[in-house]
Amino acid sequence: MDIERINPREWNCSAVVHGNVVYLSGIVADDKSLPMKGQTEQVLKKIDAVLSKAGTHKSRILSATVYMADASLKDEMNEAWMAWVDRSNLPARAAVGAVLTPGTLVEIMVCAAR
């Protein structure tokens, strides 16, 4: 099986496709001045774009890992997540506190079927 790399950069790719599975790198917001909900909304829009480029959609997400710089802001992240996620096709998901790059409040990785 071939491996397809989407948006290759110096240190990683936005996604790697192997077979019928799309593996996204951790996606972060571009605007670090936004609060948790705003950063999460921006990340989710970026995930939509990468999934589209890979030929899939959020309804095909298998799993997601959400890294938060401050886990006490989980409710704000969840507000954006629940407004975005396909509730008929919920993925497996973990949300954990983590040390992130300064200014980054949330980073999300997903795997999706194509």
N, C-alpha and C. Protein backbone atom coordinates (compact mmCIF):
# COMPACT_ATOMS: atom_id res chain seq x y z
N MET A 1 0.83 -1.18 0.00
CA MET A 1 0.00 0.00 0.00
C MET A 1 0.87 1.24 0.00
N ASP A 2 0.48 2.19 -0.82
CA ASP A 2 1.21 3.45 -0.86
C ASP A 2 0.87 4.30 0.36
N ILE A 3 1.77 5.21 0.66
CA ILE A 3 1.56 6.18 1.73
C ILE A 3 1.49 7.55 1.08
N GLU A 4 0.43 8.29 1.39
CA GLU A 4 0.23 9.64 0.87
C GLU A 4 0.46 10.64 2.00
N ARG A 5 1.27 11.65 1.73
CA ARG A 5 1.55 12.68 2.74
C ARG A 5 0.90 14.00 2.30
N ILE A 6 0.08 14.56 3.18
CA ILE A 6 -0.67 15.77 2.87
C ILE A 6 -0.02 16.97 3.56
N ASN A 7 0.23 18.01 2.78
CA ASN A 7 0.86 19.25 3.27
C ASN A 7 2.18 18.97 3.97
N PRO A 8 3.14 18.31 3.28
CA PRO A 8 4.43 18.07 3.93
C PRO A 8 5.14 19.38 4.23
N ARG A 9 5.74 19.42 5.41
CA ARG A 9 6.51 20.60 5.85
C ARG A 9 7.86 20.12 6.34
N GLU A 10 8.61 21.01 6.90
CA GLU A 10 9.96 20.69 7.36
C GLU A 10 9.98 19.61 8.44
N TRP A 11 9.05 19.65 9.39
CA TRP A 11 9.11 18.75 10.54
C TRP A 11 7.99 17.71 10.57
N ASN A 12 6.93 17.88 9.76
CA ASN A 12 5.85 16.89 9.73
C ASN A 12 4.94 17.15 8.54
N CYS A 13 3.86 16.39 8.45
CA CYS A 13 2.81 16.58 7.45
C CYS A 13 1.52 16.89 8.20
N SER A 14 0.59 17.57 7.54
CA SER A 14 -0.71 17.78 8.17
C SER A 14 -1.42 16.46 8.38
N ALA A 15 -1.21 15.53 7.43
CA ALA A 15 -1.83 14.21 7.55
C ALA A 15 -1.04 13.20 6.74
N VAL A 16 -1.20 11.94 7.11
CA VAL A 16 -0.63 10.82 6.37
C VAL A 16 -1.76 9.84 6.13
N VAL A 17 -1.87 9.38 4.89
CA VAL A 17 -2.91 8.42 4.51
C VAL A 17 -2.24 7.09 4.20
N HIS A 18 -2.72 6.05 4.84
CA HIS A 18 -2.24 4.69 4.57
C HIS A 18 -3.47 3.81 4.45
N GLY A 19 -3.63 3.20 3.30
CA GLY A 19 -4.85 2.42 3.08
C GLY A 19 -6.05 3.35 3.11
N ASN A 20 -7.01 2.99 3.92
CA ASN A 20 -8.22 3.81 4.04
C ASN A 20 -8.29 4.55 5.36
N VAL A 21 -7.12 4.80 5.98
CA VAL A 21 -7.08 5.55 7.24
C VAL A 21 -6.25 6.81 7.06
N VAL A 22 -6.79 7.91 7.56
CA VAL A 22 -6.12 9.21 7.51
C VAL A 22 -5.71 9.58 8.94
N TYR A 23 -4.42 9.82 9.13
CA TYR A 23 -3.86 10.18 10.44
C TYR A 23 -3.47 11.65 10.40
N LEU A 24 -4.14 12.49 11.17
CA LEU A 24 -3.79 13.91 11.22
C LEU A 24 -2.76 14.17 12.30
N SER A 25 -1.86 15.10 12.00
CA SER A 25 -0.94 15.60 13.03
C SER A 25 -1.75 16.41 14.03
N GLY A 26 -1.12 16.76 15.13
CA GLY A 26 -1.77 17.66 16.07
C GLY A 26 -2.00 19.00 15.40
N ILE A 27 -3.22 19.49 15.45
CA ILE A 27 -3.60 20.76 14.81
C ILE A 27 -3.81 21.80 15.91
N VAL A 28 -3.23 22.97 15.71
CA VAL A 28 -3.36 24.07 16.67
C VAL A 28 -3.92 25.31 15.98
N ALA A 29 -4.43 26.22 16.76
CA ALA A 29 -4.97 27.47 16.23
C ALA A 29 -3.84 28.37 15.75
N ASP A 30 -4.14 29.19 14.77
CA ASP A 30 -3.18 30.19 14.30
C ASP A 30 -3.21 31.43 15.19
N ASP A 31 -4.39 31.78 15.71
CA ASP A 31 -4.55 32.98 16.53
C ASP A 31 -4.49 32.59 18.00
N LYS A 32 -3.32 32.77 18.60
CA LYS A 32 -3.11 32.39 20.00
C LYS A 32 -3.75 33.37 20.99
N SER A 33 -4.28 34.50 20.49
CA SER A 33 -4.92 35.46 21.39
C SER A 33 -6.36 35.05 21.71
N LEU A 34 -6.89 34.08 20.99
CA LEU A 34 -8.26 33.63 21.22
C LEU A 34 -8.36 32.83 22.52
N PRO A 35 -9.54 32.85 23.16
CA PRO A 35 -9.75 31.99 24.34
C PRO A 35 -9.92 30.55 23.90
N MET A 36 -10.08 29.64 24.85
CA MET A 36 -10.16 28.20 24.56
C MET A 36 -11.22 27.89 23.50
N LYS A 37 -12.43 28.41 23.66
CA LYS A 37 -13.48 28.10 22.69
C LYS A 37 -13.10 28.57 21.30
N GLY A 38 -12.56 29.78 21.19
CA GLY A 38 -12.17 30.33 19.90
C GLY A 38 -11.04 29.54 19.26
N GLN A 39 -10.04 29.16 20.05
CA GLN A 39 -8.95 28.35 19.51
C GLN A 39 -9.48 26.99 19.06
N THR A 40 -10.37 26.40 19.84
CA THR A 40 -10.92 25.10 19.47
C THR A 40 -11.70 25.21 18.16
N GLU A 41 -12.51 26.24 18.01
CA GLU A 41 -13.27 26.43 16.77
C GLU A 41 -12.33 26.57 15.59
N GLN A 42 -11.24 27.31 15.76
CA GLN A 42 -10.28 27.48 14.68
C GLN A 42 -9.60 26.15 14.33
N VAL A 43 -9.24 25.38 15.34
CA VAL A 43 -8.62 24.07 15.12
C VAL A 43 -9.59 23.16 14.35
N LEU A 44 -10.85 23.15 14.74
CA LEU A 44 -11.82 22.27 14.10
C LEU A 44 -12.05 22.64 12.64
N LYS A 45 -12.01 23.92 12.32
CA LYS A 45 -12.10 24.35 10.91
C LYS A 45 -10.88 23.86 10.12
N LYS A 46 -9.72 23.92 10.74
CA LYS A 46 -8.51 23.43 10.08
C LYS A 46 -8.58 21.92 9.88
N ILE A 47 -9.14 21.21 10.86
CA ILE A 47 -9.31 19.76 10.72
C ILE A 47 -10.25 19.46 9.55
N ASP A 48 -11.35 20.20 9.45
CA ASP A 48 -12.26 20.02 8.31
C ASP A 48 -11.51 20.15 6.99
N ALA A 49 -10.65 21.16 6.89
CA ALA A 49 -9.92 21.40 5.64
C ALA A 49 -8.96 20.26 5.31
N VAL A 50 -8.23 19.77 6.31
CA VAL A 50 -7.28 18.67 6.07
C VAL A 50 -8.03 17.39 5.72
N LEU A 51 -9.11 17.11 6.43
CA LEU A 51 -9.90 15.92 6.11
C LEU A 51 -10.43 15.99 4.69
N SER A 52 -10.91 17.15 4.28
CA SER A 52 -11.42 17.33 2.92
C SER A 52 -10.32 17.06 1.89
N LYS A 53 -9.15 17.61 2.15
CA LYS A 53 -8.03 17.41 1.23
C LYS A 53 -7.66 15.93 1.14
N ALA A 54 -7.88 15.18 2.22
CA ALA A 54 -7.57 13.76 2.25
C ALA A 54 -8.72 12.92 1.69
N GLY A 55 -9.81 13.56 1.32
CA GLY A 55 -10.93 12.83 0.74
C GLY A 55 -11.87 12.21 1.75
N THR A 56 -11.97 12.83 2.92
CA THR A 56 -12.88 12.31 3.94
C THR A 56 -13.58 13.46 4.65
N HIS A 57 -14.22 13.18 5.76
CA HIS A 57 -15.10 14.15 6.42
C HIS A 57 -15.16 13.84 7.92
N LYS A 58 -15.57 14.83 8.70
CA LYS A 58 -15.64 14.63 10.15
C LYS A 58 -16.57 13.50 10.56
N SER A 59 -17.54 13.15 9.73
CA SER A 59 -18.44 12.04 10.05
C SER A 59 -17.71 10.69 10.00
N ARG A 60 -16.48 10.70 9.47
CA ARG A 60 -15.69 9.47 9.32
C ARG A 60 -14.55 9.39 10.35
N ILE A 61 -14.53 10.33 11.31
CA ILE A 61 -13.48 10.31 12.34
C ILE A 61 -13.66 9.07 13.22
N LEU A 62 -12.57 8.35 13.38
CA LEU A 62 -12.57 7.14 14.22
C LEU A 62 -12.20 7.47 15.66
N SER A 63 -11.16 8.30 15.82
CA SER A 63 -10.71 8.65 17.17
C SER A 63 -10.14 10.06 17.17
N ALA A 64 -10.17 10.67 18.35
CA ALA A 64 -9.63 12.01 18.53
C ALA A 64 -8.94 12.09 19.88
N THR A 65 -7.82 12.81 19.91
CA THR A 65 -7.14 13.11 21.16
C THR A 65 -7.04 14.62 21.26
N VAL A 66 -7.56 15.16 22.35
CA VAL A 66 -7.56 16.60 22.59
C VAL A 66 -6.59 16.89 23.72
N TYR A 67 -5.58 17.70 23.43
CA TYR A 67 -4.60 18.12 24.43
C TYR A 67 -4.94 19.55 24.84
N MET A 68 -5.06 19.79 26.14
CA MET A 68 -5.41 21.12 26.65
C MET A 68 -4.32 21.63 27.60
N ALA A 69 -3.92 22.87 27.41
CA ALA A 69 -2.92 23.47 28.28
C ALA A 69 -3.48 23.66 29.70
N ASP A 70 -4.79 23.83 29.80
CA ASP A 70 -5.45 24.01 31.09
C ASP A 70 -6.73 23.18 31.08
N ALA A 71 -6.69 22.01 31.70
CA ALA A 71 -7.83 21.10 31.68
C ALA A 71 -9.06 21.69 32.36
N SER A 72 -8.89 22.73 33.16
CA SER A 72 -10.06 23.36 33.79
C SER A 72 -10.92 24.09 32.75
N LEU A 73 -10.40 24.26 31.54
CA LEU A 73 -11.15 24.91 30.45
C LEU A 73 -11.84 23.89 29.55
N LYS A 74 -11.94 22.65 30.01
CA LYS A 74 -12.52 21.59 29.19
C LYS A 74 -13.95 21.90 28.77
N ASP A 75 -14.75 22.52 29.62
CA ASP A 75 -16.13 22.84 29.26
C ASP A 75 -16.18 23.77 28.05
N GLU A 76 -15.26 24.75 27.99
CA GLU A 76 -15.20 25.68 26.85
C GLU A 76 -14.81 24.93 25.57
N MET A 77 -13.85 24.03 25.69
CA MET A 77 -13.46 23.22 24.54
C MET A 77 -14.63 22.36 24.10
N ASN A 78 -15.31 21.72 25.05
CA ASN A 78 -16.43 20.84 24.74
C ASN A 78 -17.58 21.59 24.07
N GLU A 79 -17.77 22.85 24.43
CA GLU A 79 -18.83 23.64 23.80
C GLU A 79 -18.58 23.76 22.29
N ALA A 80 -17.34 24.06 21.92
CA ALA A 80 -16.99 24.15 20.50
C ALA A 80 -17.05 22.77 19.86
N TRP A 81 -16.53 21.76 20.54
CA TRP A 81 -16.51 20.39 20.01
C TRP A 81 -17.93 19.91 19.71
N MET A 82 -18.84 20.07 20.65
CA MET A 82 -20.20 19.55 20.48
C MET A 82 -20.97 20.30 19.40
N ALA A 83 -20.65 21.56 19.17
CA ALA A 83 -21.28 22.32 18.09
C ALA A 83 -20.78 21.85 16.73
N TRP A 84 -19.60 21.26 16.70
CA TRP A 84 -18.94 20.85 15.44
C TRP A 84 -19.10 19.37 15.12
N VAL A 85 -18.96 18.51 16.09
CA VAL A 85 -18.89 17.06 15.85
C VAL A 85 -20.19 16.54 15.25
N ASP A 86 -20.08 15.49 14.43
CA ASP A 86 -21.24 14.82 13.87
C ASP A 86 -21.81 13.92 14.96
N ARG A 87 -22.89 14.34 15.59
CA ARG A 87 -23.44 13.61 16.73
C ARG A 87 -23.99 12.23 16.36
N SER A 88 -24.23 12.01 15.08
CA SER A 88 -24.68 10.69 14.64
C SER A 88 -23.51 9.72 14.45
N ASN A 89 -22.29 10.27 14.44
CA ASN A 89 -21.09 9.46 14.20
C ASN A 89 -19.98 9.88 15.15
N LEU A 90 -20.25 9.80 16.43
CA LEU A 90 -19.26 10.24 17.43
C LEU A 90 -18.02 9.34 17.40
N PRO A 91 -16.83 9.95 17.44
CA PRO A 91 -15.61 9.15 17.50
C PRO A 91 -15.28 8.77 18.94
N ALA A 92 -14.35 7.84 19.08
CA ALA A 92 -13.74 7.61 20.39
C ALA A 92 -12.90 8.86 20.66
N ARG A 93 -12.88 9.36 21.91
CA ARG A 93 -12.14 10.59 22.18
C ARG A 93 -11.56 10.59 23.57
N ALA A 94 -10.35 11.14 23.67
CA ALA A 94 -9.73 11.40 24.96
C ALA A 94 -9.42 12.88 25.02
N ALA A 95 -9.55 13.47 26.19
CA ALA A 95 -9.20 14.88 26.40
C ALA A 95 -8.33 14.93 27.65
N VAL A 96 -7.09 15.43 27.47
CA VAL A 96 -6.12 15.39 28.56
C VAL A 96 -5.41 16.73 28.70
N GLY A 97 -4.94 16.99 29.90
CA GLY A 97 -4.10 18.16 30.14
C GLY A 97 -2.69 17.87 29.66
N ALA A 98 -2.04 18.88 29.12
CA ALA A 98 -0.68 18.69 28.58
C ALA A 98 0.06 20.02 28.56
N VAL A 99 1.37 19.94 28.54
CA VAL A 99 2.19 21.13 28.36
C VAL A 99 2.27 21.38 26.86
N LEU A 100 1.78 22.53 26.42
CA LEU A 100 1.76 22.89 25.00
C LEU A 100 2.65 24.10 24.76
N THR A 101 2.89 24.39 23.50
CA THR A 101 3.67 25.56 23.12
C THR A 101 3.02 26.80 23.74
N PRO A 102 3.80 27.75 24.24
CA PRO A 102 3.23 28.95 24.86
C PRO A 102 2.17 29.62 23.97
N GLY A 103 1.01 29.93 24.57
CA GLY A 103 -0.08 30.57 23.85
C GLY A 103 -1.07 29.57 23.26
N THR A 104 -0.64 28.34 23.08
CA THR A 104 -1.52 27.31 22.54
C THR A 104 -2.34 26.73 23.68
N LEU A 105 -3.67 26.84 23.57
CA LEU A 105 -4.54 26.32 24.60
C LEU A 105 -5.05 24.91 24.30
N VAL A 106 -5.09 24.55 22.99
CA VAL A 106 -5.63 23.26 22.60
C VAL A 106 -4.93 22.75 21.34
N GLU A 107 -4.71 21.46 21.30
CA GLU A 107 -4.16 20.79 20.13
C GLU A 107 -4.96 19.50 19.96
N ILE A 108 -5.41 19.25 18.72
CA ILE A 108 -6.27 18.08 18.49
C ILE A 108 -5.69 17.23 17.37
N MET A 109 -5.64 15.92 17.62
CA MET A 109 -5.24 14.92 16.62
C MET A 109 -6.45 14.04 16.36
N VAL A 110 -6.65 13.68 15.10
CA VAL A 110 -7.71 12.73 14.77
C VAL A 110 -7.22 11.70 13.78
N CYS A 111 -7.88 10.56 13.78
CA CYS A 111 -7.71 9.52 12.75
C CYS A 111 -9.10 9.33 12.16
N ALA A 112 -9.15 9.22 10.83
CA ALA A 112 -10.44 9.08 10.15
C ALA A 112 -10.35 8.01 9.07
N ALA A 113 -11.49 7.38 8.82
CA ALA A 113 -11.58 6.47 7.68
C ALA A 113 -11.80 7.30 6.43
N ARG A 114 -11.30 6.79 5.31
CA ARG A 114 -11.51 7.51 4.06
C ARG A 114 -12.71 6.96 3.35
